Amino acid sequence: MPESAVRPYYPQDGVSLVAGPKEPSLWERTVPEILADSADRYGEREALVFADRGLRLTYKAFARSVDELAAGLVALGIEKGDRVGIWSPNKPEWVMTQFATARIGAILVTINPAYRLSELEFALNKVQCKALVTADRFKSSDYLSMLRELAPELDSCAAGALESERLPSLRCVIRTGSEETAGMFTFDAVLARGSAVTVQDLDKRSAALSVDEAINIQFTSGTTGTPKGATLTHRNIANNGRLVVGTQHLGPGDRLCIPVPLYHCFGMVMGTLGSVTAGATMVFAGEAFDPLATLDCVAKEACTALYGVPTMFVAMLEHPEFSAFDLSSLRTGIMAGAPCPIEVMKRVIADMNMAGVTIAYGMTETSPVSFQSHTDDPLERRVSTVGRVHPHVEVKVIGSDGAILPTGERGELCTRGYSVMKGYWDEPERTAEVLDDDGWMHSGDQAVIDAEGYCEIVGRVKDMLIRGGENVYPREVEDFLYRHPKVQQVQVFGVSDAKFGEEVCAWIVLKPEQKSSEEEIRSFCQGQIAHYKIPRYVRFKDELPMTVTGKPQKFKMRDAMEEELAKAD
């Protein structure tokens, strides 16, 4: 179907192919151009707040800090195209590094704060990081000890002159905090080294950048095989961040609370970069999500928008001190990263004053958002779908044969447009597995697009299980079990079975101070859903294995459950 025949939002000719509007026009601006413009326009407005540190920077002050760090990186020998890793929870240094690397055209490599030795070694070597900005520690992770274990040469080398057997590309380690560590620069020392680099030099480097050049590498979750480095450009992330906050109508008077991790697109594209495109204030309660600290921060900082995955919102709503906080300043935000239970959505709107909360859907490889609900969408649409397609993005739902399906039919969701990544870093074969010759990114997600263009994500292609010849879609069973008054979280998946091929298993987290049993859960299902969808196995857990961004790790649940059943046999 020719592009001109596709009307924004609405599928044509009854098939699941839909394109977003062509307005507003895409920006052809690099990240440093966007920050410079915001600093000029909103100079005295607050750009960055870290409530736990009492840190407040205006846009002018933030831009100056970014330039200081960019100059320091240049003084260390970091050039355009060099990969600079950052391994840290949410800190001011993280946000500064994000924009400082972009200022000089270095490629920021975001490393999961939960990574341990082998994962860190893999990430640094996969993309050949020349420098690494690291926190000293986070929770149970002693980052500096792990680095010294991987590169014992740090103990005897000069800062910036590392030659490591296991990390052959890494030359420079920059640590946050004021303490000095052998073989590493402190963050302040890097700032000081940039005094000889002029703003004119930085401007020259920024002017040489192209919007189509890589600026960020984000590792996917790695739920199967080794993580892949999705490579994103200025055009990818600048436009996506801008359009995401635009859908929420964020502007210079808004204050966005960002408790989601910066290492992921949710934090650094939809959060920090999106805020800068709009001149809004980036507000952080602390280094990582804490429900009490986040509630306190939203109230004291009069935040107008709040981001989170569903489990974060549940933790805030269920906190015993929830009612003590005045959340009347809130009006919008995003709930994303995992399917959003209907009852949670209703409580966020009613109890957190987020009448304009939106749902967003996407994937790292699409920068990330391709669907988002609007603040004025009917409640039923916001609780049952992920909204409609983003501007300048085209999507389709295909069957197993690759043909586009009629509206209302379940198939694999594919995305095409400005937001699709350049590819997986140095992995053309793995790139070709998901990105076809026509530019379609194959998501692996099962979706249904209705006649009005609203999209419902109904599961993963690989999550579907077949019990005795009947297809069972876990999301359907999960949505039903969320109706049980005692259920707070639930994940449904398949386990091997000699008789039926697969059996249905549910892992459940109960609401505080609740008790239940397998029999109670199964009785709740009787007569309400088809017999073959009723979980054969029910287990109650204190928590469920999730990625840092709130995505359920069903492969871990499946492995653990099959091991348990094997032992029982």
Protein backbone atom coordinates (compact mmCIF):
# COMPACT_ATOMS: atom_id res chain seq x y z
CA MET A 1 0.00 0.00 0.00
CA PRO A 2 1.53 3.40 -0.92
CA GLU A 3 2.35 5.69 1.99
CA SER A 4 -0.01 8.38 0.69
CA ALA A 5 -2.93 5.99 1.07
CA VAL A 6 -2.37 5.54 4.79
CA ARG A 7 -4.43 7.95 6.92
CA PRO A 8 -2.82 8.86 10.28
CA TYR A 9 -3.86 6.52 13.10
CA TYR A 10 -6.51 4.60 11.11
CA PRO A 11 -5.83 1.32 9.30
CA GLN A 12 -6.89 1.28 5.67
CA ASP A 13 -8.83 -1.41 3.81
CA GLY A 14 -9.33 -3.39 7.01
CA VAL A 15 -5.68 -4.45 7.35
CA SER A 16 -3.34 -3.97 10.31
CA LEU A 17 -1.12 -1.34 8.70
CA VAL A 18 -1.13 2.14 10.17
CA ALA A 19 1.06 5.24 10.01
CA GLY A 20 1.38 8.13 12.40
CA PRO A 21 0.86 11.77 11.46
CA LYS A 22 3.55 13.79 9.70
CA GLU A 23 3.31 16.63 12.21
CA PRO A 24 5.14 17.96 14.06
CA SER A 25 8.04 17.80 11.62
CA LEU A 26 11.08 15.78 12.63
CA TRP A 27 13.99 17.76 14.04
CA GLU A 28 17.26 17.60 12.16
CA ARG A 29 19.23 18.63 15.24
CA THR A 30 21.99 16.92 17.15
CA VAL A 31 21.84 16.48 20.92
CA PRO A 32 24.35 19.30 21.64
CA GLU A 33 22.37 21.67 19.39
CA ILE A 34 19.23 20.90 21.39
CA LEU A 35 20.89 21.53 24.75
CA ALA A 36 22.45 24.78 23.51
CA ASP A 37 19.05 26.00 22.31
CA SER A 38 17.36 25.13 25.61
CA ALA A 39 20.14 26.85 27.57
CA ASP A 40 19.56 29.98 25.50
CA ARG A 41 15.79 29.89 25.81
CA TYR A 42 15.34 28.68 29.38
CA GLY A 43 18.66 29.72 30.93
CA GLU A 44 17.48 30.69 34.42
CA ARG A 45 14.93 27.91 34.75
CA GLU A 46 15.88 24.80 36.70
CA ALA A 47 17.18 22.05 34.48
CA LEU A 48 18.34 19.43 36.96
CA VAL A 49 17.40 18.63 40.55
CA PHE A 50 18.78 15.81 42.69
CA ALA A 51 16.65 16.09 45.81
CA ASP A 52 18.74 13.73 47.94
CA ARG A 53 21.84 15.89 47.41
CA GLY A 54 20.18 19.30 47.43
CA LEU A 55 21.64 19.85 43.95
CA ARG A 56 19.92 22.38 41.71
CA LEU A 57 21.23 23.55 38.34
CA THR A 58 19.65 26.05 35.98
CA TYR A 59 19.84 25.36 32.25
CA LYS A 60 22.76 27.79 31.93
CA ALA A 61 24.63 26.17 34.82
CA PHE A 62 23.89 22.67 33.55
CA ALA A 63 25.17 23.53 30.06
CA ARG A 64 28.36 24.98 31.60
CA SER A 65 28.88 21.79 33.63
CA VAL A 66 28.39 19.69 30.50
CA ASP A 67 30.99 21.80 28.67
CA GLU A 68 33.47 21.41 31.54
CA LEU A 69 33.17 17.64 31.38
CA ALA A 70 33.27 17.58 27.57
CA ALA A 71 36.47 19.65 27.67
CA GLY A 72 37.95 17.26 30.23
CA LEU A 73 37.14 14.28 28.04
CA VAL A 74 38.82 15.96 25.07
CA ALA A 75 41.88 16.62 27.23
CA LEU A 76 41.98 12.89 28.02
CA GLY A 77 42.07 12.08 24.31
CA ILE A 78 38.44 11.11 23.75
CA GLU A 79 37.54 11.73 20.12
CA LYS A 80 34.45 11.54 17.94
CA GLY A 81 33.28 7.95 17.61
CA ASP A 82 35.13 6.69 20.68
CA ARG A 83 32.97 4.59 22.98
CA VAL A 84 32.61 5.85 26.54
CA GLY A 85 30.87 3.51 28.96
CA ILE A 86 28.92 4.58 32.01
CA TRP A 87 28.29 2.11 34.82
CA SER A 88 26.38 3.79 37.58
CA PRO A 89 23.00 4.29 39.19
CA ASN A 90 21.21 7.60 38.69
CA LYS A 91 23.64 10.38 39.62
CA PRO A 92 24.29 13.96 38.47
CA GLU A 93 27.49 12.66 36.85
CA TRP A 94 25.38 10.29 34.75
CA VAL A 95 23.31 13.08 33.25
CA MET A 96 26.41 15.25 32.69
CA THR A 97 28.19 12.36 30.95
CA GLN A 98 25.18 11.75 28.70
CA PHE A 99 25.30 15.27 27.30
CA ALA A 100 29.09 15.74 27.47
CA THR A 101 29.81 12.69 25.31
CA ALA A 102 27.21 13.90 22.81
CA ARG A 103 28.84 17.35 22.80
CA ILE A 104 32.05 15.92 21.31
CA GLY A 105 30.54 13.08 19.28
CA ALA A 106 31.67 10.24 21.52
CA ILE A 107 29.27 7.29 21.70
CA LEU A 108 27.77 6.74 25.14
CA VAL A 109 27.56 3.06 26.12
CA THR A 110 25.00 2.58 28.86
CA ILE A 111 25.82 -0.34 31.15
CA ASN A 112 23.27 -1.91 33.47
CA PRO A 113 24.06 -1.03 37.12
CA ALA A 114 23.20 -4.63 38.03
CA TYR A 115 25.90 -6.11 35.79
CA ARG A 116 28.58 -8.20 37.45
CA LEU A 117 32.03 -9.29 36.34
CA SER A 118 31.39 -11.36 33.25
CA GLU A 119 28.61 -9.08 32.00
CA LEU A 120 30.75 -5.97 32.43
CA GLU A 121 33.70 -7.62 30.69
CA PHE A 122 31.46 -8.63 27.79
CA ALA A 123 29.93 -5.15 27.38
CA LEU A 124 33.22 -3.24 27.52
CA ASN A 125 34.93 -5.55 25.06
CA LYS A 126 31.95 -5.96 22.73
CA VAL A 127 31.96 -2.29 21.76
CA GLN A 128 35.63 -1.63 22.62
CA CYS A 129 35.11 1.07 25.23
CA LYS A 130 38.05 3.47 25.43
CA ALA A 131 36.88 5.07 28.68
CA LEU A 132 34.55 4.15 31.51
CA VAL A 133 32.78 6.44 33.95
CA THR A 134 31.87 4.42 37.03
CA ALA A 135 30.30 4.81 40.44
CA ASP A 136 32.30 3.46 43.37
CA ARG A 137 29.50 1.17 44.50
CA PHE A 138 25.76 0.62 44.36
CA LYS A 139 23.79 -1.54 46.79
CA SER A 140 25.68 -4.86 46.98
CA SER A 141 27.87 -4.09 43.95
CA ASP A 142 31.40 -2.90 44.66
CA TYR A 143 32.19 -1.51 41.22
CA LEU A 144 35.79 -0.56 41.92
CA SER A 145 36.66 -4.00 43.29
CA MET A 146 35.11 -5.67 40.27
CA LEU A 147 37.06 -3.41 37.93
CA ARG A 148 40.31 -4.17 39.74
CA GLU A 149 39.54 -7.87 39.49
CA LEU A 150 39.04 -7.56 35.73
CA ALA A 151 41.98 -5.19 35.31
CA PRO A 152 44.51 -5.68 38.14
CA GLU A 153 46.84 -3.48 36.09
CA LEU A 154 44.91 -0.50 37.49
CA ASP A 155 46.79 -0.83 40.77
CA SER A 156 50.12 -0.05 39.12
CA CYS A 157 49.32 2.15 36.10
CA ALA A 158 49.00 5.90 35.80
CA ALA A 159 45.44 7.23 35.43
CA GLY A 160 44.51 7.21 31.74
CA ALA A 161 47.28 4.79 30.79
CA LEU A 162 45.63 1.43 31.44
CA GLU A 163 46.84 -1.54 29.41
CA SER A 164 44.74 -4.49 30.47
CA GLU A 165 44.95 -8.07 29.29
CA ARG A 166 41.21 -8.74 29.79
CA LEU A 167 40.01 -5.25 28.78
CA PRO A 168 42.37 -4.46 25.91
CA SER A 169 40.50 -1.39 24.57
CA LEU A 170 40.00 0.34 27.91
CA ARG A 171 42.48 3.12 28.59
CA CYS A 172 40.79 5.40 31.06
CA VAL A 173 38.61 4.88 34.14
CA ILE A 174 36.85 7.85 35.74
CA ARG A 175 35.28 7.30 39.13
CA THR A 176 32.62 9.38 40.86
CA GLY A 177 33.14 10.65 44.39
CA SER A 178 36.04 12.53 45.93
CA GLU A 179 38.23 9.61 47.02
CA GLU A 180 41.23 8.76 44.87
CA THR A 181 41.76 5.25 43.52
CA ALA A 182 44.95 3.92 41.94
CA GLY A 183 44.89 3.99 38.14
CA MET A 184 41.68 6.04 37.97
CA PHE A 185 40.75 9.70 37.57
CA THR A 186 38.26 11.28 39.91
CA PHE A 187 35.40 13.05 38.20
CA ASP A 188 36.59 16.44 39.52
CA ALA A 189 40.09 15.80 38.19
CA VAL A 190 38.67 15.33 34.69
CA LEU A 191 36.76 18.60 34.98
CA ALA A 192 39.96 20.37 36.00
CA ARG A 193 41.95 18.95 33.07
CA GLY A 194 39.64 20.59 30.56
CA SER A 195 40.69 24.15 31.37
CA ALA A 196 42.89 24.34 28.27
CA VAL A 197 40.06 23.31 25.92
CA THR A 198 37.98 26.26 24.74
CA VAL A 199 34.26 26.53 24.14
CA GLN A 200 35.14 27.36 20.53
CA ASP A 201 36.92 24.01 20.23
CA LEU A 202 33.84 22.25 21.62
CA ASP A 203 31.59 24.19 19.24
CA LYS A 204 33.74 23.12 16.31
CA ARG A 205 33.46 19.47 17.33
CA SER A 206 29.68 19.73 17.77
CA ALA A 207 29.26 21.45 14.41
CA ALA A 208 30.96 18.51 12.68
CA LEU A 209 28.33 16.04 13.91
CA SER A 210 25.57 14.56 11.77
CA VAL A 211 22.12 13.62 13.00
CA ASP A 212 22.57 10.20 11.38
CA GLU A 213 25.69 9.33 13.39
CA ALA A 214 25.61 6.92 16.31
CA ILE A 215 25.47 8.62 19.70
CA ASN A 216 24.33 5.84 22.03
CA ILE A 217 24.69 2.07 22.39
CA GLN A 218 22.14 0.38 24.64
CA PHE A 219 22.42 -3.29 25.50
CA THR A 220 19.21 -5.24 25.25
CA SER A 221 18.11 -7.35 28.18
CA GLY A 222 19.78 -10.47 26.88
CA THR A 223 16.94 -12.79 27.88
CA THR A 224 18.26 -15.20 25.27
CA GLY A 225 21.91 -15.39 24.32
CA THR A 226 24.38 -12.59 24.95
CA PRO A 227 23.15 -8.99 25.11
CA LYS A 228 23.10 -7.05 21.86
CA GLY A 229 24.20 -3.44 21.53
CA ALA A 230 21.40 -1.48 19.87
CA THR A 231 23.07 1.47 18.16
CA LEU A 232 21.04 4.69 18.16
CA THR A 233 21.57 8.03 16.42
CA HIS A 234 20.93 11.68 17.29
CA ARG A 235 17.87 11.62 15.02
CA ASN A 236 16.59 8.44 16.70
CA ILE A 237 16.66 9.53 20.31
CA ALA A 238 16.27 13.32 20.03
CA ASN A 239 13.04 13.03 18.09
CA ASN A 240 11.67 10.18 20.14
CA GLY A 241 12.29 11.96 23.43
CA ARG A 242 10.72 15.13 22.07
CA LEU A 243 7.61 13.37 20.72
CA VAL A 244 7.15 11.36 23.95
CA VAL A 245 7.08 14.47 26.16
CA GLY A 246 5.06 16.31 23.53
CA THR A 247 2.31 13.73 23.84
CA GLN A 248 2.20 14.61 27.56
CA HIS A 249 2.21 18.34 26.72
CA LEU A 250 5.32 18.94 28.81
CA GLY A 251 6.81 22.41 28.62
CA PRO A 252 9.16 24.79 30.46
CA GLY A 253 6.87 24.98 33.49
CA ASP A 254 6.82 21.21 34.02
CA ARG A 255 8.85 19.19 36.50
CA LEU A 256 9.33 15.53 35.60
CA CYS A 257 10.22 13.06 38.36
CA ILE A 258 12.44 10.31 36.93
CA PRO A 259 12.80 7.29 39.25
CA VAL A 260 13.45 4.87 36.37
CA PRO A 261 17.08 3.92 35.61
CA LEU A 262 19.04 6.21 33.33
CA TYR A 263 20.93 3.36 31.66
CA HIS A 264 17.73 2.47 29.78
CA CYS A 265 15.84 4.47 27.14
CA PHE A 266 13.01 5.11 29.61
CA GLY A 267 15.32 7.23 31.75
CA MET A 268 17.76 8.81 29.31
CA VAL A 269 15.59 9.29 26.20
CA MET A 270 12.03 9.66 27.46
CA GLY A 271 13.27 11.30 30.66
CA THR A 272 16.37 13.48 30.53
CA LEU A 273 16.62 14.09 26.79
CA GLY A 274 12.87 14.56 26.45
CA SER A 275 12.91 17.11 29.26
CA VAL A 276 15.71 19.08 27.61
CA THR A 277 13.83 19.24 24.30
CA ALA A 278 10.90 20.86 26.15
CA GLY A 279 12.81 22.99 28.67
CA ALA A 280 11.26 21.00 31.52
CA THR A 281 13.00 20.25 34.82
CA MET A 282 14.57 16.81 35.38
CA VAL A 283 13.91 15.77 39.00
CA PHE A 284 15.52 12.79 40.74
CA ALA A 285 14.64 11.58 44.22
CA GLY A 286 17.85 9.58 44.52
CA GLU A 287 20.10 7.01 42.92
CA ALA A 288 17.44 4.32 42.55
CA PHE A 289 13.74 3.92 42.99
CA ASP A 290 12.43 4.01 46.53
CA PRO A 291 8.67 4.42 46.90
CA LEU A 292 8.80 6.63 50.00
CA ALA A 293 11.57 8.86 48.64
CA THR A 294 9.76 9.21 45.31
CA LEU A 295 6.47 10.19 46.96
CA ASP A 296 8.29 12.69 49.15
CA CYS A 297 10.16 14.14 46.16
CA VAL A 298 7.01 14.52 44.04
CA ALA A 299 5.27 16.35 46.88
CA LYS A 300 8.14 18.65 47.92
CA GLU A 301 9.30 19.46 44.38
CA ALA A 302 5.73 19.96 43.10
CA CYS A 303 6.36 17.58 40.20
CA THR A 304 3.80 17.72 37.43
CA ALA A 305 4.77 14.43 35.77
CA LEU A 306 6.02 11.06 36.98
CA TYR A 307 7.49 8.05 35.19
CA GLY A 308 7.51 4.44 36.29
CA VAL A 309 6.90 0.81 35.49
CA PRO A 310 3.73 -0.76 36.91
CA THR A 311 5.54 -2.34 39.87
CA MET A 312 6.83 1.10 40.90
CA PHE A 313 3.35 2.58 40.91
CA VAL A 314 2.07 -0.42 42.88
CA ALA A 315 4.83 0.06 45.46
CA MET A 316 3.89 3.73 45.90
CA LEU A 317 0.15 3.09 46.06
CA GLU A 318 0.60 0.28 48.59
CA HIS A 319 3.05 2.17 50.81
CA PRO A 320 1.60 2.63 54.33
CA GLU A 321 2.46 6.36 54.26
CA PHE A 322 0.97 7.00 50.82
CA SER A 323 -1.92 9.12 52.10
CA ALA A 324 0.46 11.50 53.90
CA PHE A 325 1.72 13.05 50.65
CA ASP A 326 0.15 15.86 48.66
CA LEU A 327 0.34 14.76 45.03
CA SER A 328 -2.01 17.45 43.72
CA SER A 329 0.74 18.94 41.52
CA LEU A 330 0.79 15.81 39.34
CA ARG A 331 -1.19 15.75 36.12
CA THR A 332 0.56 13.40 33.67
CA GLY A 333 3.40 10.94 33.21
CA ILE A 334 4.08 7.55 31.71
CA MET A 335 3.51 4.00 32.85
CA ALA A 336 5.49 1.68 30.61
CA GLY A 337 8.07 -1.11 30.47
CA ALA A 338 5.57 -3.92 31.09
CA PRO A 339 1.83 -4.55 30.71
CA CYS A 340 -0.16 -2.19 32.93
CA PRO A 341 -2.86 -3.87 35.05
CA ILE A 342 -6.20 -2.13 34.67
CA GLU A 343 -6.83 -1.71 38.38
CA VAL A 344 -3.40 -0.14 38.90
CA MET A 345 -4.08 2.35 36.10
CA LYS A 346 -7.39 3.35 37.64
CA ARG A 347 -5.77 3.95 41.04
CA VAL A 348 -2.95 6.01 39.51
CA ILE A 349 -5.56 8.27 37.92
CA ALA A 350 -7.82 8.48 40.96
CA ASP A 351 -5.37 8.43 43.89
CA MET A 352 -2.24 10.06 42.39
CA ASN A 353 -4.02 12.86 40.52
CA MET A 354 -2.52 11.70 37.22
CA ALA A 355 -5.61 12.21 35.09
CA GLY A 356 -3.39 12.68 32.03
CA VAL A 357 -1.18 9.63 32.58
CA THR A 358 -0.18 7.95 29.33
CA ILE A 359 0.82 4.44 28.41
CA ALA A 360 3.83 4.00 26.15
CA TYR A 361 5.09 0.99 24.26
CA GLY A 362 8.24 0.33 22.31
CA MET A 363 11.60 -1.36 22.42
CA THR A 364 15.21 -0.31 22.76
CA GLU A 365 15.72 -0.92 19.06
CA THR A 366 13.08 1.72 18.23
CA SER A 367 14.49 4.47 20.44
CA PRO A 368 12.15 3.32 22.22
CA VAL A 369 8.53 4.48 21.79
CA SER A 370 6.33 3.63 18.82
CA PHE A 371 2.88 3.70 20.50
CA GLN A 372 1.58 6.05 23.17
CA SER A 373 -1.84 6.91 24.49
CA HIS A 374 -2.89 10.55 24.58
CA THR A 375 -3.77 12.44 27.73
CA ASP A 376 -7.35 12.87 26.51
CA ASP A 377 -7.88 9.33 25.28
CA PRO A 378 -10.92 7.67 26.89
CA LEU A 379 -10.05 5.84 30.10
CA GLU A 380 -11.09 2.52 28.59
CA ARG A 381 -8.56 3.01 25.79
CA ARG A 382 -5.79 3.96 28.22
CA VAL A 383 -6.33 0.93 30.40
CA SER A 384 -6.75 -1.64 27.66
CA THR A 385 -4.34 -0.53 24.91
CA VAL A 386 -0.94 1.13 24.46
CA GLY A 387 -2.52 3.92 22.47
CA ARG A 388 -1.94 4.75 18.83
CA VAL A 389 1.10 5.00 16.63
CA HIS A 390 3.62 7.82 17.13
CA PRO A 391 4.21 10.51 14.49
CA HIS A 392 6.51 9.57 11.61
CA VAL A 393 6.27 5.85 12.47
CA GLU A 394 4.62 3.08 10.48
CA VAL A 395 3.52 -0.22 12.02
CA LYS A 396 1.98 -3.45 10.83
CA VAL A 397 0.86 -6.76 12.29
CA ILE A 398 1.88 -9.84 10.32
CA GLY A 399 1.13 -13.54 10.42
CA SER A 400 3.63 -16.39 10.42
CA ASP A 401 3.82 -16.17 6.62
CA GLY A 402 4.78 -12.47 6.73
CA ALA A 403 1.49 -11.25 5.28
CA ILE A 404 -0.26 -8.27 6.87
CA LEU A 405 -3.25 -9.46 8.90
CA PRO A 406 -6.77 -7.99 8.98
CA THR A 407 -7.51 -5.58 11.83
CA GLY A 408 -8.44 -7.33 15.04
CA GLU A 409 -6.25 -10.36 14.38
CA ARG A 410 -3.27 -11.32 16.52
CA GLY A 411 0.20 -11.38 14.98
CA GLU A 412 3.73 -10.04 15.24
CA LEU A 413 4.15 -6.27 15.47
CA CYS A 414 6.68 -4.63 13.15
CA THR A 415 7.84 -1.00 13.14
CA ARG A 416 9.43 1.19 10.47
CA GLY A 417 10.52 4.83 10.48
CA TYR A 418 13.02 7.36 11.84
CA SER A 419 13.17 5.64 15.23
CA VAL A 420 14.57 2.28 14.06
CA MET A 421 18.16 1.69 15.19
CA LYS A 422 21.16 1.59 12.88
CA GLY A 423 21.63 -2.03 13.94
CA TYR A 424 23.30 -4.14 16.62
CA TRP A 425 26.89 -3.05 17.09
CA ASP A 426 29.23 -5.22 15.02
CA GLU A 427 26.58 -7.96 14.60
CA PRO A 428 25.19 -7.84 11.06
CA GLU A 429 23.77 -11.35 11.26
CA ARG A 430 21.81 -10.72 14.43
CA THR A 431 20.69 -7.40 13.00
CA ALA A 432 19.39 -9.15 9.87
CA GLU A 433 17.35 -11.52 12.06
CA VAL A 434 15.12 -8.64 13.25
CA LEU A 435 15.59 -5.82 10.71
CA ASP A 436 14.51 -6.75 7.20
CA ASP A 437 15.53 -5.32 3.83
CA ASP A 438 12.48 -3.04 3.75
CA GLY A 439 13.40 -1.39 7.04
CA TRP A 440 10.86 -3.20 9.24
CA MET A 441 11.95 -3.94 12.80
CA HIS A 442 10.37 -7.23 13.93
CA SER A 443 9.49 -6.86 17.60
CA GLY A 444 8.76 -10.43 18.65
CA ASP A 445 5.66 -9.04 20.40
CA GLN A 446 2.16 -10.24 19.63
CA ALA A 447 -0.26 -7.41 19.03
CA VAL A 448 -3.76 -6.60 17.84
CA ILE A 449 -4.59 -3.32 16.06
CA ASP A 450 -8.25 -2.38 15.99
CA ALA A 451 -10.21 -0.43 13.38
CA GLU A 452 -9.37 2.91 15.07
CA GLY A 453 -5.65 2.20 15.20
CA TYR A 454 -5.38 1.43 18.91
CA CYS A 455 -2.90 -1.31 19.68
CA GLU A 456 -3.09 -4.00 22.32
CA ILE A 457 0.04 -5.96 23.19
CA VAL A 458 -1.12 -9.48 23.94
CA GLY A 459 2.16 -11.25 24.65
CA ARG A 460 5.45 -12.37 23.21
CA VAL A 461 5.50 -14.55 20.13
CA LYS A 462 7.71 -16.98 22.03
CA ASP A 463 5.57 -16.81 25.21
CA MET A 464 2.54 -18.49 23.68
CA LEU A 465 2.19 -22.05 24.94
CA ILE A 466 0.30 -24.95 23.44
CA ARG A 467 -1.51 -27.22 25.88
CA GLY A 468 -2.95 -30.34 24.30
CA GLY A 469 -3.28 -28.61 20.95
CA GLU A 470 -4.92 -25.47 22.40
CA ASN A 471 -3.13 -22.12 22.14
CA VAL A 472 -2.84 -20.36 25.50
CA TYR A 473 -1.83 -16.71 25.58
CA PRO A 474 -0.36 -15.91 29.02
CA ARG A 475 -1.47 -12.27 28.95
CA GLU A 476 -5.14 -13.32 28.79
CA VAL A 477 -4.79 -15.49 31.90
CA GLU A 478 -2.78 -12.80 33.71
CA ASP A 479 -5.43 -10.16 33.02
CA PHE A 480 -8.08 -12.44 34.47
CA LEU A 481 -6.06 -13.31 37.59
CA TYR A 482 -5.49 -9.61 38.29
CA ARG A 483 -9.21 -9.46 39.05
CA HIS A 484 -8.65 -11.56 42.17
CA PRO A 485 -8.75 -9.18 45.14
CA LYS A 486 -5.66 -10.73 46.76
CA VAL A 487 -3.40 -10.70 43.69
CA GLN A 488 -0.83 -7.89 43.41
CA GLN A 489 1.39 -9.31 40.64
CA VAL A 490 1.12 -12.36 38.43
CA GLN A 491 3.06 -13.96 35.60
CA VAL A 492 1.82 -16.94 33.60
CA PHE A 493 4.06 -19.21 31.53
CA GLY A 494 4.31 -22.74 30.21
CA VAL A 495 6.25 -25.70 31.59
CA SER A 496 6.93 -29.02 29.90
CA ASP A 497 4.38 -31.80 30.42
CA ALA A 498 4.54 -35.40 29.21
CA LYS A 499 0.80 -35.68 28.55
CA PHE A 500 -0.21 -32.25 27.19
CA GLY A 501 3.14 -31.02 25.84
CA GLU A 502 2.92 -27.95 28.05
CA GLU A 503 1.04 -27.01 31.19
CA VAL A 504 0.02 -23.62 32.49
CA CYS A 505 1.86 -22.25 35.51
CA ALA A 506 1.19 -19.02 37.45
CA TRP A 507 3.56 -17.27 39.83
CA ILE A 508 1.74 -14.83 42.08
CA VAL A 509 2.74 -12.09 44.50
CA LEU A 510 -0.09 -11.46 46.95
CA LYS A 511 -1.05 -8.08 48.36
CA PRO A 512 0.37 -7.30 51.82
CA GLU A 513 -0.95 -9.46 54.67
CA GLN A 514 -2.95 -11.68 52.32
CA LYS A 515 -2.92 -15.47 52.19
CA SER A 516 -4.19 -17.79 49.51
CA SER A 517 -3.83 -21.30 48.14
CA GLU A 518 -3.58 -23.08 44.82
CA GLU A 519 -7.12 -24.34 45.31
CA GLU A 520 -8.48 -20.83 45.86
CA ILE A 521 -6.85 -19.53 42.69
CA ARG A 522 -8.03 -22.43 40.56
CA SER A 523 -11.56 -22.18 41.99
CA PHE A 524 -11.56 -18.49 41.07
CA CYS A 525 -10.90 -19.53 37.45
CA GLN A 526 -13.49 -22.31 37.27
CA GLY A 527 -16.35 -21.40 34.97
CA GLN A 528 -14.75 -18.05 34.14
CA ILE A 529 -12.03 -19.04 31.67
CA ALA A 530 -11.63 -22.13 29.49
CA HIS A 531 -10.50 -25.20 31.41
CA TYR A 532 -7.27 -25.50 29.45
CA LYS A 533 -6.25 -21.98 30.48
CA ILE A 534 -6.61 -22.64 34.21
CA PRO A 535 -3.14 -22.92 35.79
CA ARG A 536 -2.20 -26.46 36.66
CA TYR A 537 0.55 -25.11 38.91
CA VAL A 538 0.28 -22.06 41.17
CA ARG A 539 3.17 -20.77 43.26
CA PHE A 540 3.21 -17.80 45.63
CA LYS A 541 6.36 -15.68 45.63
CA ASP A 542 7.64 -12.70 47.60
CA GLU A 543 8.82 -11.16 44.35
CA LEU A 544 9.14 -12.05 40.68
CA PRO A 545 12.36 -11.99 38.64
CA MET A 546 12.34 -8.78 36.62
CA THR A 547 14.80 -6.76 34.60
CA VAL A 548 15.77 -3.37 36.03
CA THR A 549 13.14 -1.80 33.78
CA GLY A 550 10.32 -3.99 35.08
CA LYS A 551 10.11 -6.57 32.32
CA PRO A 552 9.28 -10.05 33.63
CA GLN A 553 11.98 -12.64 33.07
CA LYS A 554 9.77 -15.61 32.29
CA PHE A 555 12.69 -17.74 31.21
CA LYS A 556 14.01 -17.63 34.80
CA MET A 557 10.59 -18.55 36.17
CA ARG A 558 10.24 -21.38 33.69
CA ASP A 559 13.69 -22.77 34.45
CA ALA A 560 13.13 -22.64 38.20
CA MET A 561 9.69 -24.22 37.95
CA GLU A 562 10.82 -27.04 35.70
CA GLU A 563 13.70 -27.75 38.08
CA GLU A 564 11.24 -27.88 40.98
CA LEU A 565 8.94 -30.26 39.10
CA ALA A 566 11.83 -32.46 38.05
CA LYS A 567 12.92 -32.84 41.67
CA ALA A 568 9.36 -33.65 42.71
CA ASP A 569 9.17 -36.39 40.07
